[in-house]
Amino acid sequence: MSENKKNPFNYEQIDEMLSSRIRLAVLALLAGCEEAEFTYIRDMVGASDGNLASHLRKLEDAAYVALDKRFLGRKPATFYRITTAGQSALLDYSRHLAELLSHTQKGGNP
């Protein structure tokens, strides 16, 4: 194992995809439900349509979310769900953050 893997403070260990507050909030929201429609995600996260769409595209490109387009009545709607890779990334991120924060309890000594 490399020295970087042993050092929880190495920034390269942190998933850059989740360093965005919007992307982190979206994944956390989706982790708690089966799926969510775009406008619901927008309203819960508090992002603009364009900003949210951009972040969802990045999550989709990273295979952290999957989408399904369908109609509600005659109106098109896009539903998102977290993927297995997204769930893993979110859990890894939260574990890493917990590990980092545990060092604050020890006075900063790893």
PDB file of N, CA and C in Angstrom:
ATOM      1  N   MET A   1       0.845  -1.178   0.000  1.00  0.00           N
ATOM      2  CA  MET A   1       0.000   0.000   0.000  1.00  0.00           C
ATOM      3  C   MET A   1       0.888   1.239   0.000  1.00  0.00           C
ATOM      4  N   SER A   2       0.564   2.224  -0.814  1.00  0.00           N
ATOM      5  CA  SER A   2       1.384   3.426  -0.892  1.00  0.00           C
ATOM      6  C   SER A   2       1.169   4.287   0.339  1.00  0.00           C
ATOM      7  N   GLU A   3       2.104   5.194   0.569  1.00  0.00           N
ATOM      8  CA  GLU A   3       2.014   6.121   1.703  1.00  0.00           C
ATOM      9  C   GLU A   3       0.765   6.984   1.593  1.00  0.00           C
ATOM     10  N   ASN A   4       0.353   7.346   0.356  1.00  0.00           N
ATOM     11  CA  ASN A   4      -0.850   8.154   0.162  1.00  0.00           C
ATOM     12  C   ASN A   4      -2.091   7.441   0.680  1.00  0.00           C
ATOM     13  N   LYS A   5      -2.159   6.118   0.529  1.00  0.00           N
ATOM     14  CA  LYS A   5      -3.321   5.350   0.983  1.00  0.00           C
ATOM     15  C   LYS A   5      -3.407   5.336   2.506  1.00  0.00           C
ATOM     16  N   LYS A   6      -2.296   5.430   3.196  1.00  0.00           N
ATOM     17  CA  LYS A   6      -2.272   5.396   4.652  1.00  0.00           C
ATOM     18  C   LYS A   6      -2.573   6.759   5.260  1.00  0.00           C
ATOM     19  N   ASN A   7      -2.484   7.808   4.491  1.00  0.00           N
ATOM     20  CA  ASN A   7      -2.636   9.163   4.996  1.00  0.00           C
ATOM     21  C   ASN A   7      -4.043   9.674   4.701  1.00  0.00           C
ATOM     22  N   PRO A   8      -4.932   9.739   5.692  1.00  0.00           N
ATOM     23  CA  PRO A   8      -6.303  10.173   5.443  1.00  0.00           C
ATOM     24  C   PRO A   8      -6.401  11.650   5.054  1.00  0.00           C
ATOM     25  N   PHE A   9      -5.336  12.403   5.258  1.00  0.00           N
ATOM     26  CA  PHE A   9      -5.353  13.827   4.934  1.00  0.00           C
ATOM     27  C   PHE A   9      -4.989  14.115   3.482  1.00  0.00           C
ATOM     28  N   ASN A  10      -4.550  13.104   2.756  1.00  0.00           N
ATOM     29  CA  ASN A  10      -4.176  13.293   1.360  1.00  0.00           C
ATOM     30  C   ASN A  10      -5.434  13.642   0.562  1.00  0.00           C
ATOM     31  N   TYR A  11      -5.445  14.837  -0.012  1.00  0.00           N
ATOM     32  CA  TYR A  11      -6.634  15.311  -0.721  1.00  0.00           C
ATOM     33  C   TYR A  11      -7.016  14.430  -1.906  1.00  0.00           C
ATOM     34  N   GLU A  12      -6.057  13.702  -2.456  1.00  0.00           N
ATOM     35  CA  GLU A  12      -6.357  12.828  -3.592  1.00  0.00           C
ATOM     36  C   GLU A  12      -7.249  11.658  -3.193  1.00  0.00           C
ATOM     37  N   GLN A  13      -7.383  11.414  -1.903  1.00  0.00           N
ATOM     38  CA  GLN A  13      -8.243  10.343  -1.404  1.00  0.00           C
ATOM     39  C   GLN A  13      -9.722  10.740  -1.418  1.00  0.00           C
ATOM     40  N   ILE A  14     -10.007  12.018  -1.543  1.00  0.00           N
ATOM     41  CA  ILE A  14     -11.374  12.516  -1.475  1.00  0.00           C
ATOM     42  C   ILE A  14     -11.971  12.563  -2.877  1.00  0.00           C
ATOM     43  N   ASP A  15     -13.143  11.968  -3.026  1.00  0.00           N
ATOM     44  CA  ASP A  15     -13.825  11.918  -4.322  1.00  0.00           C
ATOM     45  C   ASP A  15     -14.205  13.339  -4.736  1.00  0.00           C
ATOM     46  N   GLU A  16     -13.544  13.830  -5.759  1.00  0.00           N
ATOM     47  CA  GLU A  16     -13.780  15.203  -6.220  1.00  0.00           C
ATOM     48  C   GLU A  16     -15.212  15.396  -6.712  1.00  0.00           C
ATOM     49  N   MET A  17     -15.831  14.342  -7.200  1.00  0.00           N
ATOM     50  CA  MET A  17     -17.209  14.441  -7.673  1.00  0.00           C
ATOM     51  C   MET A  17     -18.140  14.880  -6.543  1.00  0.00           C
ATOM     52  N   LEU A  18     -17.812  14.505  -5.314  1.00  0.00           N
ATOM     53  CA  LEU A  18     -18.669  14.843  -4.180  1.00  0.00           C
ATOM     54  C   LEU A  18     -18.197  16.082  -3.430  1.00  0.00           C
ATOM     55  N   SER A  19     -17.193  16.756  -3.951  1.00  0.00           N
ATOM     56  CA  SER A  19     -16.747  17.994  -3.309  1.00  0.00           C
ATOM     57  C   SER A  19     -17.705  19.149  -3.598  1.00  0.00           C
ATOM     58  N   SER A  20     -18.611  18.944  -4.543  1.00  0.00           N
ATOM     59  CA  SER A  20     -19.646  19.936  -4.835  1.00  0.00           C
ATOM     60  C   SER A  20     -20.795  19.769  -3.850  1.00  0.00           C
ATOM     61  N   ARG A  21     -21.212  20.857  -3.238  1.00  0.00           N
ATOM     62  CA  ARG A  21     -22.319  20.796  -2.283  1.00  0.00           C
ATOM     63  C   ARG A  21     -23.602  20.314  -2.952  1.00  0.00           C
ATOM     64  N   ILE A  22     -23.828  20.742  -4.180  1.00  0.00           N
ATOM     65  CA  ILE A  22     -25.048  20.338  -4.888  1.00  0.00           C
ATOM     66  C   ILE A  22     -25.015  18.847  -5.187  1.00  0.00           C
ATOM     67  N   ARG A  23     -23.903  18.350  -5.715  1.00  0.00           N
ATOM     68  CA  ARG A  23     -23.828  16.924  -6.045  1.00  0.00           C
ATOM     69  C   ARG A  23     -23.921  16.059  -4.793  1.00  0.00           C
ATOM     70  N   LEU A  24     -23.298  16.499  -3.715  1.00  0.00           N
ATOM     71  CA  LEU A  24     -23.385  15.763  -2.457  1.00  0.00           C
ATOM     72  C   LEU A  24     -24.826  15.741  -1.948  1.00  0.00           C
ATOM     73  N   ALA A  25     -25.503  16.876  -1.992  1.00  0.00           N
ATOM     74  CA  ALA A  25     -26.889  16.948  -1.539  1.00  0.00           C
ATOM     75  C   ALA A  25     -27.797  16.077  -2.399  1.00  0.00           C
ATOM     76  N   VAL A  26     -27.580  16.082  -3.703  1.00  0.00           N
ATOM     77  CA  VAL A  26     -28.390  15.268  -4.613  1.00  0.00           C
ATOM     78  C   VAL A  26     -28.209  13.784  -4.300  1.00  0.00           C
ATOM     79  N   LEU A  27     -26.963  13.343  -4.151  1.00  0.00           N
ATOM     80  CA  LEU A  27     -26.738  11.922  -3.863  1.00  0.00           C
ATOM     81  C   LEU A  27     -27.331  11.532  -2.518  1.00  0.00           C
ATOM     82  N   ALA A  28     -27.196  12.394  -1.524  1.00  0.00           N
ATOM     83  CA  ALA A  28     -27.776  12.098  -0.212  1.00  0.00           C
ATOM     84  C   ALA A  28     -29.296  12.000  -0.309  1.00  0.00           C
ATOM     85  N   LEU A  29     -29.904  12.901  -1.056  1.00  0.00           N
ATOM     86  CA  LEU A  29     -31.353  12.867  -1.256  1.00  0.00           C
ATOM     87  C   LEU A  29     -31.772  11.575  -1.953  1.00  0.00           C
ATOM     88  N   LEU A  30     -31.091  11.238  -3.035  1.00  0.00           N
ATOM     89  CA  LEU A  30     -31.445  10.044  -3.792  1.00  0.00           C
ATOM     90  C   LEU A  30     -31.158   8.754  -3.024  1.00  0.00           C
ATOM     91  N   ALA A  31     -30.206   8.795  -2.109  1.00  0.00           N
ATOM     92  CA  ALA A  31     -29.906   7.606  -1.311  1.00  0.00           C
ATOM     93  C   ALA A  31     -31.063   7.258  -0.383  1.00  0.00           C
ATOM     94  N   GLY A  32     -31.904   8.233  -0.097  1.00  0.00           N
ATOM     95  CA  GLY A  32     -33.013   8.015   0.816  1.00  0.00           C
ATOM     96  C   GLY A  32     -34.339   7.714   0.148  1.00  0.00           C
ATOM     97  N   CYS A  33     -34.332   7.540  -1.161  1.00  0.00           N
ATOM     98  CA  CYS A  33     -35.587   7.245  -1.861  1.00  0.00           C
ATOM     99  C   CYS A  33     -35.305   6.351  -3.068  1.00  0.00           C
ATOM    100  N   GLU A  34     -36.358   5.793  -3.602  1.00  0.00           N
ATOM    101  CA  GLU A  34     -36.205   4.910  -4.764  1.00  0.00           C
ATOM    102  C   GLU A  34     -35.831   5.716  -6.010  1.00  0.00           C
ATOM    103  N   GLU A  35     -36.516   6.840  -6.201  1.00  0.00           N
ATOM    104  CA  GLU A  35     -36.237   7.749  -7.317  1.00  0.00           C
ATOM    105  C   GLU A  35     -36.863   9.096  -6.983  1.00  0.00           C
ATOM    106  N   ALA A  36     -36.448  10.113  -7.705  1.00  0.00           N
ATOM    107  CA  ALA A  36     -37.008  11.449  -7.505  1.00  0.00           C
ATOM    108  C   ALA A  36     -37.066  12.179  -8.835  1.00  0.00           C
ATOM    109  N   GLU A  37     -38.113  12.935  -9.011  1.00  0.00           N
ATOM    110  CA  GLU A  37     -38.312  13.710 -10.234  1.00  0.00           C
ATOM    111  C   GLU A  37     -37.489  14.992 -10.151  1.00  0.00           C
ATOM    112  N   PHE A  38     -37.050  15.487 -11.300  1.00  0.00           N
ATOM    113  CA  PHE A  38     -36.152  16.634 -11.383  1.00  0.00           C
ATOM    114  C   PHE A  38     -36.635  17.819 -10.553  1.00  0.00           C
ATOM    115  N   THR A  39     -37.901  18.194 -10.690  1.00  0.00           N
ATOM    116  CA  THR A  39     -38.367  19.391  -9.979  1.00  0.00           C
ATOM    117  C   THR A  39     -38.371  19.190  -8.468  1.00  0.00           C
ATOM    118  N   TYR A  40     -38.621  17.969  -8.022  1.00  0.00           N
ATOM    119  CA  TYR A  40     -38.551  17.672  -6.589  1.00  0.00           C
ATOM    120  C   TYR A  40     -37.113  17.840  -6.097  1.00  0.00           C
ATOM    121  N   ILE A  41     -36.166  17.290  -6.839  1.00  0.00           N
ATOM    122  CA  ILE A  41     -34.748  17.427  -6.476  1.00  0.00           C
ATOM    123  C   ILE A  41     -34.375  18.904  -6.441  1.00  0.00           C
ATOM    124  N   ARG A  42     -34.773  19.635  -7.475  1.00  0.00           N
ATOM    125  CA  ARG A  42     -34.477  21.070  -7.553  1.00  0.00           C
ATOM    126  C   ARG A  42     -35.002  21.798  -6.321  1.00  0.00           C
ATOM    127  N   ASP A  43     -36.253  21.527  -5.972  1.00  0.00           N
ATOM    128  CA  ASP A  43     -36.861  22.217  -4.840  1.00  0.00           C
ATOM    129  C   ASP A  43     -36.206  21.841  -3.519  1.00  0.00           C
ATOM    130  N   MET A  44     -35.873  20.583  -3.353  1.00  0.00           N
ATOM    131  CA  MET A  44     -35.247  20.129  -2.105  1.00  0.00           C
ATOM    132  C   MET A  44     -33.817  20.651  -1.958  1.00  0.00           C
ATOM    133  N   VAL A  45     -33.080  20.659  -3.058  1.00  0.00           N
ATOM    134  CA  VAL A  45     -31.672  21.078  -3.023  1.00  0.00           C
ATOM    135  C   VAL A  45     -31.546  22.600  -3.049  1.00  0.00           C
ATOM    136  N   GLY A  46     -32.505  23.267  -3.689  1.00  0.00           N
ATOM    137  CA  GLY A  46     -32.476  24.725  -3.751  1.00  0.00           C
ATOM    138  C   GLY A  46     -31.637  25.280  -4.880  1.00  0.00           C
ATOM    139  N   ALA A  47     -31.409  24.487  -5.909  1.00  0.00           N
ATOM    140  CA  ALA A  47     -30.598  24.918  -7.048  1.00  0.00           C
ATOM    141  C   ALA A  47     -31.499  25.407  -8.179  1.00  0.00           C
ATOM    142  N   SER A  48     -30.929  26.184  -9.073  1.00  0.00           N
ATOM    143  CA  SER A  48     -31.667  26.600 -10.267  1.00  0.00           C
ATOM    144  C   SER A  48     -31.735  25.418 -11.236  1.00  0.00           C
ATOM    145  N   ASP A  49     -32.666  25.480 -12.172  1.00  0.00           N
ATOM    146  CA  ASP A  49     -32.807  24.405 -13.160  1.00  0.00           C
ATOM    147  C   ASP A  49     -31.490  24.128 -13.884  1.00  0.00           C
ATOM    148  N   GLY A  50     -30.874  25.179 -14.404  1.00  0.00           N
ATOM    149  CA  GLY A  50     -29.647  25.014 -15.184  1.00  0.00           C
ATOM    150  C   GLY A  50     -28.494  24.477 -14.360  1.00  0.00           C
ATOM    151  N   ASN A  51     -28.342  24.997 -13.154  1.00  0.00           N
ATOM    152  CA  ASN A  51     -27.254  24.553 -12.287  1.00  0.00           C
ATOM    153  C   ASN A  51     -27.449  23.095 -11.891  1.00  0.00           C
ATOM    154  N   LEU A  52     -28.669  22.735 -11.518  1.00  0.00           N
ATOM    155  CA  LEU A  52     -28.946  21.353 -11.144  1.00  0.00           C
ATOM    156  C   LEU A  52     -28.743  20.415 -12.328  1.00  0.00           C
ATOM    157  N   ALA A  53     -29.227  20.799 -13.496  1.00  0.00           N
ATOM    158  CA  ALA A  53     -29.074  19.965 -14.691  1.00  0.00           C
ATOM    159  C   ALA A  53     -27.598  19.694 -14.974  1.00  0.00           C
ATOM    160  N   SER A  54     -26.763  20.711 -14.812  1.00  0.00           N
ATOM    161  CA  SER A  54     -25.333  20.553 -15.044  1.00  0.00           C
ATOM    162  C   SER A  54     -24.717  19.556 -14.055  1.00  0.00           C
ATOM    163  N   HIS A  55     -25.084  19.664 -12.794  1.00  0.00           N
ATOM    164  CA  HIS A  55     -24.545  18.762 -11.781  1.00  0.00           C
ATOM    165  C   HIS A  55     -25.082  17.340 -11.946  1.00  0.00           C
ATOM    166  N   LEU A  56     -26.351  17.215 -12.314  1.00  0.00           N
ATOM    167  CA  LEU A  56     -26.905  15.881 -12.550  1.00  0.00           C
ATOM    168  C   LEU A  56     -26.220  15.209 -13.732  1.00  0.00           C
ATOM    169  N   ARG A  57     -25.881  15.994 -14.745  1.00  0.00           N
ATOM    170  CA  ARG A  57     -25.169  15.438 -15.901  1.00  0.00           C
ATOM    171  C   ARG A  57     -23.807  14.900 -15.476  1.00  0.00           C
ATOM    172  N   LYS A  58     -23.112  15.637 -14.618  1.00  0.00           N
ATOM    173  CA  LYS A  58     -21.811  15.170 -14.128  1.00  0.00           C
ATOM    174  C   LYS A  58     -21.958  13.880 -13.325  1.00  0.00           C
ATOM    175  N   LEU A  59     -22.991  13.821 -12.488  1.00  0.00           N
ATOM    176  CA  LEU A  59     -23.238  12.599 -11.725  1.00  0.00           C
ATOM    177  C   LEU A  59     -23.601  11.439 -12.648  1.00  0.00           C
ATOM    178  N   GLU A  60     -24.344  11.735 -13.687  1.00  0.00           N
ATOM    179  CA  GLU A  60     -24.705  10.709 -14.666  1.00  0.00           C
ATOM    180  C   GLU A  60     -23.462  10.229 -15.412  1.00  0.00           C
ATOM    181  N   ASP A  61     -22.614  11.163 -15.834  1.00  0.00           N
ATOM    182  CA  ASP A  61     -21.377  10.797 -16.540  1.00  0.00           C
ATOM    183  C   ASP A  61     -20.462   9.939 -15.673  1.00  0.00           C
ATOM    184  N   ALA A  62     -20.499  10.170 -14.362  1.00  0.00           N
ATOM    185  CA  ALA A  62     -19.693   9.381 -13.420  1.00  0.00           C
ATOM    186  C   ALA A  62     -20.377   8.066 -13.051  1.00  0.00           C
ATOM    187  N   ALA A  63     -21.568   7.841 -13.587  1.00  0.00           N
ATOM    188  CA  ALA A  63     -22.377   6.640 -13.316  1.00  0.00           C
ATOM    189  C   ALA A  63     -22.839   6.572 -11.867  1.00  0.00           C
ATOM    190  N   TYR A  64     -22.975   7.728 -11.223  1.00  0.00           N
ATOM    191  CA  TYR A  64     -23.474   7.792  -9.846  1.00  0.00           C
ATOM    192  C   TYR A  64     -24.994   7.889  -9.805  1.00  0.00           C
ATOM    193  N   VAL A  65     -25.598   8.385 -10.885  1.00  0.00           N
ATOM    194  CA  VAL A  65     -27.056   8.421 -10.988  1.00  0.00           C
ATOM    195  C   VAL A  65     -27.467   7.907 -12.359  1.00  0.00           C
ATOM    196  N   ALA A  66     -28.692   7.425 -12.428  1.00  0.00           N
ATOM    197  CA  ALA A  66     -29.288   7.010 -13.700  1.00  0.00           C
ATOM    198  C   ALA A  66     -30.598   7.763 -13.840  1.00  0.00           C
ATOM    199  N   LEU A  67     -31.005   7.994 -15.071  1.00  0.00           N
ATOM    200  CA  LEU A  67     -32.240   8.736 -15.285  1.00  0.00           C
ATOM    201  C   LEU A  67     -33.210   7.937 -16.111  1.00  0.00           C
ATOM    202  N   ASP A  68     -34.471   8.309 -15.978  1.00  0.00           N
ATOM    203  CA  ASP A  68     -35.545   7.685 -16.726  1.00  0.00           C
ATOM    204  C   ASP A  68     -36.499   8.801 -17.137  1.00  0.00           C
ATOM    205  N   LYS A  69     -36.686   8.972 -18.441  1.00  0.00           N
ATOM    206  CA  LYS A  69     -37.601  10.003 -18.944  1.00  0.00           C
ATOM    207  C   LYS A  69     -38.927   9.342 -19.267  1.00  0.00           C
ATOM    208  N   ARG A  70     -39.978   9.933 -18.741  1.00  0.00           N
ATOM    209  CA  ARG A  70     -41.308   9.431 -19.036  1.00  0.00           C
ATOM    210  C   ARG A  70     -42.314  10.571 -18.918  1.00  0.00           C
ATOM    211  N   PHE A  71     -43.556  10.273 -19.188  1.00  0.00           N
ATOM    212  CA  PHE A  71     -44.597  11.292 -19.152  1.00  0.00           C
ATOM    213  C   PHE A  71     -45.460  11.128 -17.912  1.00  0.00           C
ATOM    214  N   LEU A  72     -45.808  12.260 -17.327  1.00  0.00           N
ATOM    215  CA  LEU A  72     -46.818  12.322 -16.273  1.00  0.00           C
ATOM    216  C   LEU A  72     -48.018  12.991 -16.920  1.00  0.00           C
ATOM    217  N   GLY A  73     -48.985  12.186 -17.287  1.00  0.00           N
ATOM    218  CA  GLY A  73     -50.064  12.705 -18.113  1.00  0.00           C
ATOM    219  C   GLY A  73     -49.494  12.996 -19.482  1.00  0.00           C
ATOM    220  N   ARG A  74     -49.564  14.245 -19.890  1.00  0.00           N
ATOM    221  CA  ARG A  74     -48.973  14.648 -21.179  1.00  0.00           C
ATOM    222  C   ARG A  74     -47.686  15.441 -21.015  1.00  0.00           C
ATOM    223  N   LYS A  75     -47.250  15.551 -19.774  1.00  0.00           N
ATOM    224  CA  LYS A  75     -46.076  16.379 -19.484  1.00  0.00           C
ATOM    225  C   LYS A  75     -44.835  15.494 -19.305  1.00  0.00           C
ATOM    226  N   PRO A  76     -43.745  15.820 -20.015  1.00  0.00           N
ATOM    227  CA  PRO A  76     -42.518  15.033 -19.848  1.00  0.00           C
ATOM    228  C   PRO A  76     -41.909  15.266 -18.461  1.00  0.00           C
ATOM    229  N   ALA A  77     -41.341  14.224 -17.900  1.00  0.00           N
ATOM    230  CA  ALA A  77     -40.695  14.311 -16.594  1.00  0.00           C
ATOM    231  C   ALA A  77     -39.454  13.434 -16.597  1.00  0.00           C
ATOM    232  N   THR A  78     -38.453  13.859 -15.855  1.00  0.00           N
ATOM    233  CA  THR A  78     -37.216  13.097 -15.746  1.00  0.00           C
ATOM    234  C   THR A  78     -37.039  12.670 -14.291  1.00  0.00           C
ATOM    235  N   PHE A  79     -36.872  11.372 -14.105  1.00  0.00           N
ATOM    236  CA  PHE A  79     -36.679  10.795 -12.780  1.00  0.00           C
ATOM    237  C   PHE A  79     -35.249  10.309 -12.648  1.00  0.00           C
ATOM    238  N   TYR A  80     -34.678  10.511 -11.471  1.00  0.00           N
ATOM    239  CA  TYR A  80     -33.307  10.106 -11.191  1.00  0.00           C
ATOM    240  C   TYR A  80     -33.298   9.126 -10.036  1.00  0.00           C
ATOM    241  N   ARG A  81     -32.328   8.210 -10.083  1.00  0.00           N
ATOM    242  CA  ARG A  81     -32.109   7.290  -8.979  1.00  0.00           C
ATOM    243  C   ARG A  81     -30.605   7.133  -8.791  1.00  0.00           C
ATOM    244  N   ILE A  82     -30.213   6.849  -7.587  1.00  0.00           N
ATOM    245  CA  ILE A  82     -28.794   6.617  -7.304  1.00  0.00           C
ATOM    246  C   ILE A  82     -28.435   5.210  -7.765  1.00  0.00           C
ATOM    247  N   THR A  83     -27.262   5.053  -8.321  1.00  0.00           N
ATOM    248  CA  THR A  83     -26.787   3.742  -8.773  1.00  0.00           C
ATOM    249  C   THR A  83     -25.986   3.079  -7.649  1.00  0.00           C
ATOM    250  N   THR A  84     -25.628   1.844  -7.877  1.00  0.00           N
ATOM    251  CA  THR A  84     -24.777   1.140  -6.911  1.00  0.00           C
ATOM    252  C   THR A  84     -23.441   1.867  -6.758  1.00  0.00           C
ATOM    253  N   ALA A  85     -22.906   2.335  -7.877  1.00  0.00           N
ATOM    254  CA  ALA A  85     -21.639   3.085  -7.823  1.00  0.00           C
ATOM    255  C   ALA A  85     -21.817   4.384  -7.030  1.00  0.00           C
ATOM    256  N   GLY A  86     -22.951   5.036  -7.197  1.00  0.00           N
ATOM    257  CA  GLY A  86     -23.227   6.262  -6.454  1.00  0.00           C
ATOM    258  C   GLY A  86     -23.373   6.004  -4.966  1.00  0.00           C
ATOM    259  N   GLN A  87     -24.049   4.909  -4.618  1.00  0.00           N
ATOM    260  CA  GLN A  87     -24.190   4.544  -3.203  1.00  0.00           C
ATOM    261  C   GLN A  87     -22.833   4.260  -2.586  1.00  0.00           C
ATOM    262  N   SER A  88     -21.997   3.536  -3.326  1.00  0.00           N
ATOM    263  CA  SER A  88     -20.644   3.235  -2.850  1.00  0.00           C
ATOM    264  C   SER A  88     -19.826   4.499  -2.654  1.00  0.00           C
ATOM    265  N   ALA A  89     -19.896   5.385  -3.633  1.00  0.00           N
ATOM    266  CA  ALA A  89     -19.138   6.632  -3.554  1.00  0.00           C
ATOM    267  C   ALA A  89     -19.589   7.467  -2.358  1.00  0.00           C
ATOM    268  N   LEU A  90     -20.889   7.536  -2.135  1.00  0.00           N
ATOM    269  CA  LEU A  90     -21.417   8.312  -1.009  1.00  0.00           C
ATOM    270  C   LEU A  90     -20.972   7.704   0.319  1.00  0.00           C
ATOM    271  N   LEU A  91     -21.039   6.388   0.437  1.00  0.00           N
ATOM    272  CA  LEU A  91     -20.589   5.731   1.672  1.00  0.00           C
ATOM    273  C   LEU A  91     -19.089   5.918   1.889  1.00  0.00           C
ATOM    274  N   ASP A  92     -18.297   5.753   0.836  1.00  0.00           N
ATOM    275  CA  ASP A  92     -16.848   5.960   0.947  1.00  0.00           C
ATOM    276  C   ASP A  92     -16.533   7.389   1.366  1.00  0.00           C
ATOM    277  N   TYR A  93     -17.231   8.339   0.764  1.00  0.00           N
ATOM    278  CA  TYR A  93     -17.020   9.749   1.083  1.00  0.00           C
ATOM    279  C   TYR A  93     -17.352  10.005   2.554  1.00  0.00           C
ATOM    280  N   SER A  94     -18.485   9.467   3.022  1.00  0.00           N
ATOM    281  CA  SER A  94     -18.880   9.708   4.415  1.00  0.00           C
ATOM    282  C   SER A  94     -17.913   9.030   5.384  1.00  0.00           C
ATOM    283  N   ARG A  95     -17.435   7.844   5.039  1.00  0.00           N
ATOM    284  CA  ARG A  95     -16.443   7.170   5.888  1.00  0.00           C
ATOM    285  C   ARG A  95     -15.146   7.964   5.948  1.00  0.00           C
ATOM    286  N   HIS A  96     -14.725   8.460   4.792  1.00  0.00           N
ATOM    287  CA  HIS A  96     -13.486   9.239   4.751  1.00  0.00           C
ATOM    288  C   HIS A  96     -13.637  10.518   5.577  1.00  0.00           C
ATOM    289  N   LEU A  97     -14.769  11.182   5.428  1.00  0.00           N
ATOM    290  CA  LEU A  97     -15.015  12.400   6.199  1.00  0.00           C
ATOM    291  C   LEU A  97     -15.027  12.092   7.693  1.00  0.00           C
ATOM    292  N   ALA A  98     -15.665  10.995   8.091  1.00  0.00           N
ATOM    293  CA  ALA A  98     -15.685  10.595   9.500  1.00  0.00           C
ATOM    294  C   ALA A  98     -14.270  10.330  10.009  1.00  0.00           C
ATOM    295  N   GLU A  99     -13.457   9.687   9.165  1.00  0.00           N
ATOM    296  CA  GLU A  99     -12.070   9.426   9.564  1.00  0.00           C
ATOM    297  C   GLU A  99     -11.303  10.731   9.741  1.00  0.00           C
ATOM    298  N   LEU A 100     -11.487  11.653   8.804  1.00  0.00           N
ATOM    299  CA  LEU A 100     -10.820  12.951   8.937  1.00  0.00           C
ATOM    300  C   LEU A 100     -11.247  13.658  10.215  1.00  0.00           C
ATOM    301  N   LEU A 101     -12.538  13.652  10.476  1.00  0.00           N
ATOM    302  CA  LEU A 101     -13.052  14.347  11.653  1.00  0.00           C
ATOM    303  C   LEU A 101     -12.654  13.655  12.948  1.00  0.00           C
ATOM    304  N   SER A 102     -12.430  12.359  12.900  1.00  0.00           N
ATOM    305  CA  SER A 102     -12.016  11.660  14.111  1.00  0.00           C
ATOM    306  C   SER A 102     -10.665  12.154  14.591  1.00  0.00           C
ATOM    307  N   HIS A 103      -9.852  12.643  13.682  1.00  0.00           N
ATOM    308  CA  HIS A 103      -8.533  13.159  14.063  1.00  0.00           C
ATOM    309  C   HIS A 103      -8.646  14.492  14.795  1.00  0.00           C
ATOM    310  N   THR A 104      -9.739  15.209  14.620  1.00  0.00           N
ATOM    311  CA  THR A 104      -9.909  16.465  15.368  1.00  0.00           C
ATOM    312  C   THR A 104     -10.149  16.157  16.838  1.00  0.00           C
ATOM    313  N   GLN A 105     -10.725  14.988  17.128  1.00  0.00           N
ATOM    314  CA  GLN A 105     -10.957  14.571  18.504  1.00  0.00           C
ATOM    315  C   GLN A 105      -9.641  14.218  19.213  1.00  0.00           C
ATOM    316  N   LYS A 106      -8.619  13.903  18.415  1.00  0.00           N
ATOM    317  CA  LYS A 106      -7.329  13.468  18.959  1.00  0.00           C
ATOM    318  C   LYS A 106      -6.316  14.617  18.954  1.00  0.00           C
ATOM    319  N   GLY A 107      -6.805  15.828  18.758  1.00  0.00           N
ATOM    320  CA  GLY A 107      -5.879  16.951  18.745  1.00  0.00           C
ATOM    321  C   GLY A 107      -5.113  17.085  17.451  1.00  0.00           C
ATOM    322  N   GLY A 108      -5.603  16.481  16.366  1.00  0.00           N
ATOM    323  CA  GLY A 108      -4.970  16.627  15.057  1.00  0.00           C
ATOM    324  C   GLY A 108      -3.858  15.647  14.790  1.00  0.00           C
ATOM    325  N   ASN A 109      -3.570  14.741  15.726  1.00  0.00           N
ATOM    326  CA  ASN A 109      -2.505  13.767  15.501  1.00  0.00           C
ATOM    327  C   ASN A 109      -3.069  12.521  14.854  1.00  0.00           C
ATOM    328  N   PRO A 110      -2.609  12.181  13.621  1.00  0.00           N
ATOM    329  CA  PRO A 110      -3.101  10.985  12.945  1.00  0.00           C
ATOM    330  C   PRO A 110      -2.734   9.704  13.647  1.00  0.00           C
TER     331      PRO A 110
END
